Amino acid sequence: MDIKIIAMDLDGTLLTDEKTVTPLTKEVLHKCRELGYKVVAVTARILTSLENACETELFDDLILNNGGCIYHCENSSIQIKGEISLPLVQEIKEEVEPFCEKIDFCTNKTYYIYKQKSNANKPFIIDVDSLDEVKETIMRMNVYFQEDTKLEAYRDRIKEKYPDLNCFLMQGSDDKSGWLVINPKGISKFTTLLDYATERGIKETQILYFGDGLNDLEVMNSNVYSVAMGNALPEVKKVSKEITLTNNEDGIGKFLSKRLIRKED
């Protein structure tokens, strides 16, 4: 394995069901960085949400908001990859509002929750009654529909009306149902990860990636060396090159220890 970048999803992948990173996996990730591998988180989470779950010191860089931006840990700088204009957000909101139960307006720092109260008591999650309350640039939308059985029909309707956006269904391995993700045109976990690698002279085949959910499928279907978690959705396991242990069994830590660190030693 000629690997230069070790990239990974967070929820259902690096994080256990208790939303923690195990001591063994932390140790292995630190060791990988010492050996010269770039360790990168690739997640739908925003920065403040990631910081609430794990230490940024585990990583060289963070790909956040489903590819919407890159956070460079060394100098705390953010590279924005895409956003959705406010008029377009307003138009989409009016389109989906009659048949959705909740909309997340995701900015660089905050989740703004519309139509359903989250009562999250976290500074990066704010309930709003109007889009006018959102004063930041919106990088992504999550739309949760009233009828799960119509998810694909709703997705197709939005994709047809807004062909310039990246619309896809999302479900994590620990989620009982799915929702619609609306990303800016050409923005996804895969496109930003590939841009990140290319800027560093690293080939697609030199990326090792761990994932579990539907927003990992594009990466899994590429030339990246993809590894599905033992708890991953069947669709993810089907297209991955290997399957490791679950997120609760140090799936990442044990795979890296066996396949990369022992080879270096």
C-alpha atoms as a PDB file:
ATOM      1  CA  MET A   1       0.000   0.000   0.000  1.00  0.00           C
ATOM      2  CA  ASP A   2       1.579   3.256  -1.197  1.00  0.00           C
ATOM      3  CA  ILE A   3      -0.389   5.570   1.093  1.00  0.00           C
ATOM      4  CA  LYS A   4       0.265   9.266   1.768  1.00  0.00           C
ATOM      5  CA  ILE A   5      -3.092  10.416   3.208  1.00  0.00           C
ATOM      6  CA  ILE A   6      -5.157   8.628   5.858  1.00  0.00           C
ATOM      7  CA  ALA A   7      -8.656  10.109   5.706  1.00  0.00           C
ATOM      8  CA  MET A   8     -11.730   9.186   7.706  1.00  0.00           C
ATOM      9  CA  ASP A   9     -15.336  10.012   8.396  1.00  0.00           C
ATOM     10  CA  LEU A  10     -16.195  10.732  12.041  1.00  0.00           C
ATOM     11  CA  ASP A  11     -19.662   9.585  13.132  1.00  0.00           C
ATOM     12  CA  GLY A  12     -19.998   5.821  12.899  1.00  0.00           C
ATOM     13  CA  THR A  13     -16.377   5.583  11.773  1.00  0.00           C
ATOM     14  CA  LEU A  14     -13.728   7.211  13.969  1.00  0.00           C
ATOM     15  CA  LEU A  15     -16.149   8.008  16.785  1.00  0.00           C
ATOM     16  CA  THR A  16     -17.678   5.233  18.867  1.00  0.00           C
ATOM     17  CA  ASP A  17     -21.417   5.148  19.473  1.00  0.00           C
ATOM     18  CA  GLU A  18     -20.686   7.199  22.613  1.00  0.00           C
ATOM     19  CA  LYS A  19     -19.105   9.867  20.347  1.00  0.00           C
ATOM     20  CA  THR A  20     -15.569   9.355  21.642  1.00  0.00           C
ATOM     21  CA  VAL A  21     -12.232   8.304  20.152  1.00  0.00           C
ATOM     22  CA  THR A  22     -10.707   5.344  21.966  1.00  0.00           C
ATOM     23  CA  PRO A  23      -7.231   5.639  23.529  1.00  0.00           C
ATOM     24  CA  LEU A  24      -5.826   2.958  21.222  1.00  0.00           C
ATOM     25  CA  THR A  25      -7.009   4.716  18.066  1.00  0.00           C
ATOM     26  CA  LYS A  26      -5.726   8.077  19.323  1.00  0.00           C
ATOM     27  CA  GLU A  27      -2.314   6.528  19.903  1.00  0.00           C
ATOM     28  CA  VAL A  28      -2.266   4.982  16.437  1.00  0.00           C
ATOM     29  CA  LEU A  29      -3.260   8.241  14.721  1.00  0.00           C
ATOM     30  CA  HIS A  30      -0.517  10.143  16.540  1.00  0.00           C
ATOM     31  CA  LYS A  31       1.959   7.443  15.481  1.00  0.00           C
ATOM     32  CA  CYS A  32       0.824   7.709  11.851  1.00  0.00           C
ATOM     33  CA  ARG A  33       1.443  11.457  11.880  1.00  0.00           C
ATOM     34  CA  GLU A  34       4.890  10.910  13.394  1.00  0.00           C
ATOM     35  CA  LEU A  35       5.642   8.543  10.508  1.00  0.00           C
ATOM     36  CA  GLY A  36       4.787  11.265   7.992  1.00  0.00           C
ATOM     37  CA  TYR A  37       1.253  10.307   6.932  1.00  0.00           C
ATOM     38  CA  LYS A  38      -1.263  13.135   6.527  1.00  0.00           C
ATOM     39  CA  VAL A  39      -4.225  12.357   8.806  1.00  0.00           C
ATOM     40  CA  VAL A  40      -7.412  14.089   7.680  1.00  0.00           C
ATOM     41  CA  ALA A  41     -10.950  14.099   9.066  1.00  0.00           C
ATOM     42  CA  VAL A  42     -13.641  14.195   6.371  1.00  0.00           C
ATOM     43  CA  THR A  43     -17.025  14.913   7.897  1.00  0.00           C
ATOM     44  CA  ALA A  44     -20.380  16.612   7.513  1.00  0.00           C
ATOM     45  CA  ARG A  45     -19.777  18.259  10.888  1.00  0.00           C
ATOM     46  CA  ILE A  46     -18.881  21.918  11.193  1.00  0.00           C
ATOM     47  CA  LEU A  47     -15.740  22.911  13.096  1.00  0.00           C
ATOM     48  CA  THR A  48     -17.424  23.685  16.410  1.00  0.00           C
ATOM     49  CA  SER A  49     -19.300  20.401  16.301  1.00  0.00           C
ATOM     50  CA  LEU A  50     -16.113  18.444  15.588  1.00  0.00           C
ATOM     51  CA  GLU A  51     -14.317  20.205  18.437  1.00  0.00           C
ATOM     52  CA  ASN A  52     -17.173  19.143  20.709  1.00  0.00           C
ATOM     53  CA  ALA A  53     -16.508  15.475  19.844  1.00  0.00           C
ATOM     54  CA  CYS A  54     -12.715  15.103  19.552  1.00  0.00           C
ATOM     55  CA  GLU A  55      -9.393  16.920  19.641  1.00  0.00           C
ATOM     56  CA  THR A  56      -8.315  18.643  16.435  1.00  0.00           C
ATOM     57  CA  GLU A  57      -4.743  17.685  17.448  1.00  0.00           C
ATOM     58  CA  LEU A  58      -5.447  14.203  16.095  1.00  0.00           C
ATOM     59  CA  PHE A  59      -5.410  15.572  12.544  1.00  0.00           C
ATOM     60  CA  ASP A  60      -3.273  17.534  10.135  1.00  0.00           C
ATOM     61  CA  ASP A  61      -6.329  19.041   8.452  1.00  0.00           C
ATOM     62  CA  LEU A  62     -10.129  18.844   8.536  1.00  0.00           C
ATOM     63  CA  ILE A  63     -12.529  18.621   5.591  1.00  0.00           C
ATOM     64  CA  LEU A  64     -15.814  19.900   7.012  1.00  0.00           C
ATOM     65  CA  ASN A  65     -19.434  20.484   5.995  1.00  0.00           C
ATOM     66  CA  ASN A  66     -19.464  17.586   3.512  1.00  0.00           C
ATOM     67  CA  GLY A  67     -16.562  19.129   1.615  1.00  0.00           C
ATOM     68  CA  GLY A  68     -17.694  22.732   1.972  1.00  0.00           C
ATOM     69  CA  CYS A  69     -14.437  23.880   3.537  1.00  0.00           C
ATOM     70  CA  ILE A  70     -10.979  22.802   4.693  1.00  0.00           C
ATOM     71  CA  TYR A  71      -9.672  23.767   8.124  1.00  0.00           C
ATOM     72  CA  HIS A  72      -5.887  23.772   8.367  1.00  0.00           C
ATOM     73  CA  CYS A  73      -5.063  22.813  11.944  1.00  0.00           C
ATOM     74  CA  GLU A  74      -1.489  24.110  11.928  1.00  0.00           C
ATOM     75  CA  ASN A  75      -2.431  27.763  11.405  1.00  0.00           C
ATOM     76  CA  SER A  76      -6.190  27.670  12.164  1.00  0.00           C
ATOM     77  CA  SER A  77      -7.049  28.933   8.669  1.00  0.00           C
ATOM     78  CA  ILE A  78     -10.168  28.046   6.708  1.00  0.00           C
ATOM     79  CA  GLN A  79     -10.366  27.481   2.955  1.00  0.00           C
ATOM     80  CA  ILE A  80     -13.950  27.832   1.690  1.00  0.00           C
ATOM     81  CA  LYS A  81     -14.795  25.509  -1.211  1.00  0.00           C
ATOM     82  CA  GLY A  82     -18.426  26.425  -1.851  1.00  0.00           C
ATOM     83  CA  GLU A  83     -21.590  28.104  -0.604  1.00  0.00           C
ATOM     84  CA  ILE A  84     -25.276  28.475  -1.549  1.00  0.00           C
ATOM     85  CA  SER A  85     -26.537  31.977  -2.277  1.00  0.00           C
ATOM     86  CA  LEU A  86     -29.193  33.355   0.063  1.00  0.00           C
ATOM     87  CA  PRO A  87     -31.804  33.852  -2.708  1.00  0.00           C
ATOM     88  CA  LEU A  88     -31.355  30.227  -3.759  1.00  0.00           C
ATOM     89  CA  VAL A  89     -31.603  29.032  -0.134  1.00  0.00           C
ATOM     90  CA  GLN A  90     -34.850  30.996   0.198  1.00  0.00           C
ATOM     91  CA  GLU A  91     -36.228  29.463  -2.984  1.00  0.00           C
ATOM     92  CA  ILE A  92     -35.361  25.917  -1.906  1.00  0.00           C
ATOM     93  CA  LYS A  93     -36.851  26.537   1.542  1.00  0.00           C
ATOM     94  CA  GLU A  94     -40.163  27.581  -0.018  1.00  0.00           C
ATOM     95  CA  GLU A  95     -40.069  24.549  -2.308  1.00  0.00           C
ATOM     96  CA  VAL A  96     -39.566  21.922   0.429  1.00  0.00           C
ATOM     97  CA  GLU A  97     -41.361  23.547   3.365  1.00  0.00           C
ATOM     98  CA  PRO A  98     -44.822  22.087   2.639  1.00  0.00           C
ATOM     99  CA  PHE A  99     -43.592  18.500   2.959  1.00  0.00           C
ATOM    100  CA  CYS A 100     -40.644  18.661   5.339  1.00  0.00           C
ATOM    101  CA  GLU A 101     -40.540  18.567   9.118  1.00  0.00           C
ATOM    102  CA  LYS A 102     -37.130  20.217   9.647  1.00  0.00           C
ATOM    103  CA  ILE A 103     -34.424  22.104   7.767  1.00  0.00           C
ATOM    104  CA  ASP A 104     -30.827  22.621   8.907  1.00  0.00           C
ATOM    105  CA  PHE A 105     -29.128  25.707   7.498  1.00  0.00           C
ATOM    106  CA  CYS A 106     -25.454  24.871   7.980  1.00  0.00           C
ATOM    107  CA  THR A 107     -22.892  27.667   8.052  1.00  0.00           C
ATOM    108  CA  ASN A 108     -19.196  27.515   8.825  1.00  0.00           C
ATOM    109  CA  LYS A 109     -19.805  27.876  12.565  1.00  0.00           C
ATOM    110  CA  THR A 110     -23.448  27.096  13.291  1.00  0.00           C
ATOM    111  CA  TYR A 111     -26.374  24.784  12.624  1.00  0.00           C
ATOM    112  CA  TYR A 112     -29.542  26.876  12.333  1.00  0.00           C
ATOM    113  CA  ILE A 113     -32.555  24.624  12.925  1.00  0.00           C
ATOM    114  CA  TYR A 114     -35.812  25.663  11.254  1.00  0.00           C
ATOM    115  CA  LYS A 115     -39.384  24.337  11.742  1.00  0.00           C
ATOM    116  CA  GLN A 116     -38.496  22.044  14.647  1.00  0.00           C
ATOM    117  CA  LYS A 117     -37.031  23.024  18.003  1.00  0.00           C
ATOM    118  CA  SER A 118     -33.805  21.213  18.819  1.00  0.00           C
ATOM    119  CA  ASN A 119     -33.449  22.385  22.441  1.00  0.00           C
ATOM    120  CA  ALA A 120     -29.842  21.266  22.069  1.00  0.00           C
ATOM    121  CA  ASN A 121     -28.352  23.700  24.598  1.00  0.00           C
ATOM    122  CA  LYS A 122     -25.161  23.920  22.539  1.00  0.00           C
ATOM    123  CA  PRO A 123     -23.743  27.233  21.304  1.00  0.00           C
ATOM    124  CA  PHE A 124     -23.319  25.965  17.749  1.00  0.00           C
ATOM    125  CA  ILE A 125     -26.967  24.818  17.410  1.00  0.00           C
ATOM    126  CA  ILE A 126     -29.526  27.637  17.209  1.00  0.00           C
ATOM    127  CA  ASP A 127     -33.280  27.344  16.668  1.00  0.00           C
ATOM    128  CA  VAL A 128     -34.711  29.935  14.263  1.00  0.00           C
ATOM    129  CA  ASP A 129     -38.227  30.908  13.227  1.00  0.00           C
ATOM    130  CA  SER A 130     -37.125  32.640  10.044  1.00  0.00           C
ATOM    131  CA  LEU A 131     -34.308  32.509   7.529  1.00  0.00           C
ATOM    132  CA  ASP A 132     -33.815  36.224   8.234  1.00  0.00           C
ATOM    133  CA  GLU A 133     -32.210  35.224  11.550  1.00  0.00           C
ATOM    134  CA  VAL A 134     -29.314  33.550   9.727  1.00  0.00           C
ATOM    135  CA  LYS A 135     -26.612  36.186   9.232  1.00  0.00           C
ATOM    136  CA  GLU A 136     -23.826  33.879   8.011  1.00  0.00           C
ATOM    137  CA  THR A 137     -23.105  32.360   4.607  1.00  0.00           C
ATOM    138  CA  ILE A 138     -24.949  29.060   4.182  1.00  0.00           C
ATOM    139  CA  MET A 139     -22.739  26.229   2.979  1.00  0.00           C
ATOM    140  CA  ARG A 140     -25.164  23.305   3.110  1.00  0.00           C
ATOM    141  CA  MET A 141     -28.782  22.377   3.826  1.00  0.00           C
ATOM    142  CA  ASN A 142     -30.216  19.235   5.420  1.00  0.00           C
ATOM    143  CA  VAL A 143     -33.894  18.582   4.735  1.00  0.00           C
ATOM    144  CA  TYR A 144     -35.821  16.060   6.835  1.00  0.00           C
ATOM    145  CA  PHE A 145     -39.097  14.989   5.274  1.00  0.00           C
ATOM    146  CA  GLN A 146     -42.400  14.034   6.866  1.00  0.00           C
ATOM    147  CA  GLU A 147     -42.653  10.762   4.935  1.00  0.00           C
ATOM    148  CA  ASP A 148     -39.543   8.563   4.803  1.00  0.00           C
ATOM    149  CA  THR A 149     -41.097   6.382   2.114  1.00  0.00           C
ATOM    150  CA  LYS A 150     -40.951   9.292  -0.345  1.00  0.00           C
ATOM    151  CA  LEU A 151     -37.309  10.257   0.171  1.00  0.00           C
ATOM    152  CA  GLU A 152     -36.181   9.256  -3.318  1.00  0.00           C
ATOM    153  CA  ALA A 153     -39.131  11.021  -4.949  1.00  0.00           C
ATOM    154  CA  TYR A 154     -38.393  14.210  -3.013  1.00  0.00           C
ATOM    155  CA  ARG A 155     -34.711  13.980  -3.933  1.00  0.00           C
ATOM    156  CA  ASP A 156     -35.503  13.540  -7.624  1.00  0.00           C
ATOM    157  CA  ARG A 157     -37.879  16.499  -7.521  1.00  0.00           C
ATOM    158  CA  ILE A 158     -35.246  18.808  -6.038  1.00  0.00           C
ATOM    159  CA  LYS A 159     -32.472  17.513  -8.320  1.00  0.00           C
ATOM    160  CA  GLU A 160     -34.616  18.126 -11.397  1.00  0.00           C
ATOM    161  CA  LYS A 161     -35.531  21.665 -10.339  1.00  0.00           C
ATOM    162  CA  TYR A 162     -32.009  22.583  -9.174  1.00  0.00           C
ATOM    163  CA  PRO A 163     -29.600  20.682 -11.447  1.00  0.00           C
ATOM    164  CA  ASP A 164     -26.698  22.969 -10.540  1.00  0.00           C
ATOM    165  CA  LEU A 165     -26.714  21.821  -6.900  1.00  0.00           C
ATOM    166  CA  ASN A 166     -25.346  18.563  -5.489  1.00  0.00           C
ATOM    167  CA  CYS A 167     -28.394  16.864  -3.951  1.00  0.00           C
ATOM    168  CA  PHE A 168     -28.176  13.392  -2.452  1.00  0.00           C
ATOM    169  CA  LEU A 169     -29.741  11.220   0.223  1.00  0.00           C
ATOM    170  CA  MET A 170     -27.793  10.751   3.421  1.00  0.00           C
ATOM    171  CA  GLN A 171     -27.967   8.064   6.081  1.00  0.00           C
ATOM    172  CA  GLY A 172     -25.353   7.089   8.620  1.00  0.00           C
ATOM    173  CA  SER A 173     -24.871   3.548   9.893  1.00  0.00           C
ATOM    174  CA  ASP A 174     -26.461   4.524  13.213  1.00  0.00           C
ATOM    175  CA  ASP A 175     -29.420   6.411  11.693  1.00  0.00           C
ATOM    176  CA  LYS A 176     -32.822   4.773  11.342  1.00  0.00           C
ATOM    177  CA  SER A 177     -33.898   6.932   8.409  1.00  0.00           C
ATOM    178  CA  GLY A 178     -32.383   9.239   5.833  1.00  0.00           C
ATOM    179  CA  TRP A 179     -32.596  12.866   4.778  1.00  0.00           C
ATOM    180  CA  LEU A 180     -31.741  15.067   1.815  1.00  0.00           C
ATOM    181  CA  VAL A 181     -28.421  16.908   1.710  1.00  0.00           C
ATOM    182  CA  ILE A 182     -28.113  19.958  -0.530  1.00  0.00           C
ATOM    183  CA  ASN A 183     -24.510  20.945  -1.250  1.00  0.00           C
ATOM    184  CA  PRO A 184     -23.146  23.642  -3.573  1.00  0.00           C
ATOM    185  CA  LYS A 185     -22.472  22.589  -7.142  1.00  0.00           C
ATOM    186  CA  GLY A 186     -19.531  20.198  -7.444  1.00  0.00           C
ATOM    187  CA  ILE A 187     -18.924  20.055  -3.694  1.00  0.00           C
ATOM    188  CA  SER A 188     -18.741  16.745  -1.843  1.00  0.00           C
ATOM    189  CA  LYS A 189     -16.460  14.886   0.519  1.00  0.00           C
ATOM    190  CA  PHE A 190     -14.752  13.270  -2.472  1.00  0.00           C
ATOM    191  CA  THR A 191     -14.212  16.370  -4.611  1.00  0.00           C
ATOM    192  CA  THR A 192     -12.658  18.324  -1.743  1.00  0.00           C
ATOM    193  CA  LEU A 193     -10.542  15.385  -0.586  1.00  0.00           C
ATOM    194  CA  LEU A 194      -9.264  14.932  -4.128  1.00  0.00           C
ATOM    195  CA  ASP A 195      -8.494  18.670  -4.430  1.00  0.00           C
ATOM    196  CA  TYR A 196      -6.662  18.501  -1.100  1.00  0.00           C
ATOM    197  CA  ALA A 197      -4.527  15.597  -2.326  1.00  0.00           C
ATOM    198  CA  THR A 198      -3.842  17.101  -5.756  1.00  0.00           C
ATOM    199  CA  GLU A 199      -2.632  20.372  -4.212  1.00  0.00           C
ATOM    200  CA  ARG A 200      -0.015  18.308  -2.370  1.00  0.00           C
ATOM    201  CA  GLY A 201       1.056  16.239  -5.345  1.00  0.00           C
ATOM    202  CA  ILE A 202      -0.630  13.128  -3.952  1.00  0.00           C
ATOM    203  CA  LYS A 203      -2.421  10.689  -6.229  1.00  0.00           C
ATOM    204  CA  GLU A 204      -5.975   9.450  -5.697  1.00  0.00           C
ATOM    205  CA  THR A 205      -4.623   5.914  -5.251  1.00  0.00           C
ATOM    206  CA  GLN A 206      -2.398   7.121  -2.385  1.00  0.00           C
ATOM    207  CA  ILE A 207      -5.401   7.980  -0.208  1.00  0.00           C
ATOM    208  CA  LEU A 208      -6.701   5.519   2.393  1.00  0.00           C
ATOM    209  CA  TYR A 209     -10.273   6.256   3.464  1.00  0.00           C
ATOM    210  CA  PHE A 210     -12.538   4.872   6.208  1.00  0.00           C
ATOM    211  CA  GLY A 211     -16.316   5.363   6.065  1.00  0.00           C
ATOM    212  CA  ASP A 212     -19.716   4.016   6.992  1.00  0.00           C
ATOM    213  CA  GLY A 213     -22.541   6.171   5.540  1.00  0.00           C
ATOM    214  CA  LEU A 214     -24.132   7.201   2.269  1.00  0.00           C
ATOM    215  CA  ASN A 215     -22.114  10.410   1.986  1.00  0.00           C
ATOM    216  CA  ASP A 216     -18.996   8.201   1.876  1.00  0.00           C
ATOM    217  CA  LEU A 217     -20.173   6.266  -1.189  1.00  0.00           C
ATOM    218  CA  GLU A 218     -18.605   8.588  -3.763  1.00  0.00           C
ATOM    219  CA  VAL A 219     -15.211   8.148  -2.101  1.00  0.00           C
ATOM    220  CA  MET A 220     -15.705   4.402  -1.786  1.00  0.00           C
ATOM    221  CA  ASN A 221     -16.512   4.134  -5.505  1.00  0.00           C
ATOM    222  CA  SER A 222     -13.345   5.966  -6.553  1.00  0.00           C
ATOM    223  CA  ASN A 223      -9.733   4.871  -6.914  1.00  0.00           C
ATOM    224  CA  VAL A 224      -9.105   5.719  -3.265  1.00  0.00           C
ATOM    225  CA  TYR A 225      -8.193   2.690  -1.118  1.00  0.00           C
ATOM    226  CA  SER A 226     -11.546   2.475   0.674  1.00  0.00           C
ATOM    227  CA  VAL A 227     -12.175   0.587   3.905  1.00  0.00           C
ATOM    228  CA  ALA A 228     -15.701   0.165   5.259  1.00  0.00           C
ATOM    229  CA  MET A 229     -16.319  -0.101   8.966  1.00  0.00           C
ATOM    230  CA  GLY A 230     -17.815  -3.333  10.253  1.00  0.00           C
ATOM    231  CA  ASN A 231     -20.942  -1.373  11.151  1.00  0.00           C
ATOM    232  CA  ALA A 232     -21.168   0.386   7.757  1.00  0.00           C
ATOM    233  CA  LEU A 233     -24.334   0.362   5.676  1.00  0.00           C
ATOM    234  CA  PRO A 234     -24.560  -2.569   3.213  1.00  0.00           C
ATOM    235  CA  GLU A 235     -24.228  -0.182   0.248  1.00  0.00           C
ATOM    236  CA  VAL A 236     -20.907   1.046   1.612  1.00  0.00           C
ATOM    237  CA  LYS A 237     -19.517  -2.404   2.347  1.00  0.00           C
ATOM    238  CA  LYS A 238     -20.478  -3.565  -1.138  1.00  0.00           C
ATOM    239  CA  VAL A 239     -18.209  -1.081  -2.931  1.00  0.00           C
ATOM    240  CA  SER A 240     -15.323  -0.817  -0.457  1.00  0.00           C
ATOM    241  CA  LYS A 241     -12.012  -2.552  -1.095  1.00  0.00           C
ATOM    242  CA  GLU A 242     -11.807  -3.914   2.460  1.00  0.00           C
ATOM    243  CA  ILE A 243     -13.889  -4.129   5.623  1.00  0.00           C
ATOM    244  CA  THR A 244     -12.457  -3.574   9.077  1.00  0.00           C
ATOM    245  CA  LEU A 245     -13.890  -3.936  12.593  1.00  0.00           C
ATOM    246  CA  THR A 246     -16.693  -1.680  13.838  1.00  0.00           C
ATOM    247  CA  ASN A 247     -16.343   1.836  15.211  1.00  0.00           C
ATOM    248  CA  ASN A 248     -16.742   0.364  18.710  1.00  0.00           C
ATOM    249  CA  GLU A 249     -13.942  -2.172  18.172  1.00  0.00           C
ATOM    250  CA  ASP A 250     -11.078   0.147  17.197  1.00  0.00           C
ATOM    251  CA  GLY A 251     -11.701  -0.614  13.531  1.00  0.00           C
ATOM    252  CA  ILE A 252      -9.472   2.234  12.350  1.00  0.00           C
ATOM    253  CA  GLY A 253      -6.770   1.849  14.984  1.00  0.00           C
ATOM    254  CA  LYS A 254      -6.351  -1.886  14.523  1.00  0.00           C
ATOM    255  CA  PHE A 255      -6.376  -1.680  10.709  1.00  0.00           C
ATOM    256  CA  LEU A 256      -3.714   1.030  10.650  1.00  0.00           C
ATOM    257  CA  SER A 257      -1.615  -0.705  13.275  1.00  0.00           C
ATOM    258  CA  LYS A 258      -1.574  -3.923  11.271  1.00  0.00           C
ATOM    259  CA  ARG A 259      -1.352  -2.587   7.715  1.00  0.00           C
ATOM    260  CA  LEU A 260       0.773   0.558   7.992  1.00  0.00           C
ATOM    261  CA  ILE A 261       2.586   0.944  11.315  1.00  0.00           C
ATOM    262  CA  ARG A 262       3.992  -2.593  11.479  1.00  0.00           C
ATOM    263  CA  LYS A 263       5.328  -2.200   7.939  1.00  0.00           C
ATOM    264  CA  GLU A 264       7.108   1.008   8.957  1.00  0.00           C
ATOM    265  CA  ASP A 265       8.577  -0.643  12.064  1.00  0.00           C
END
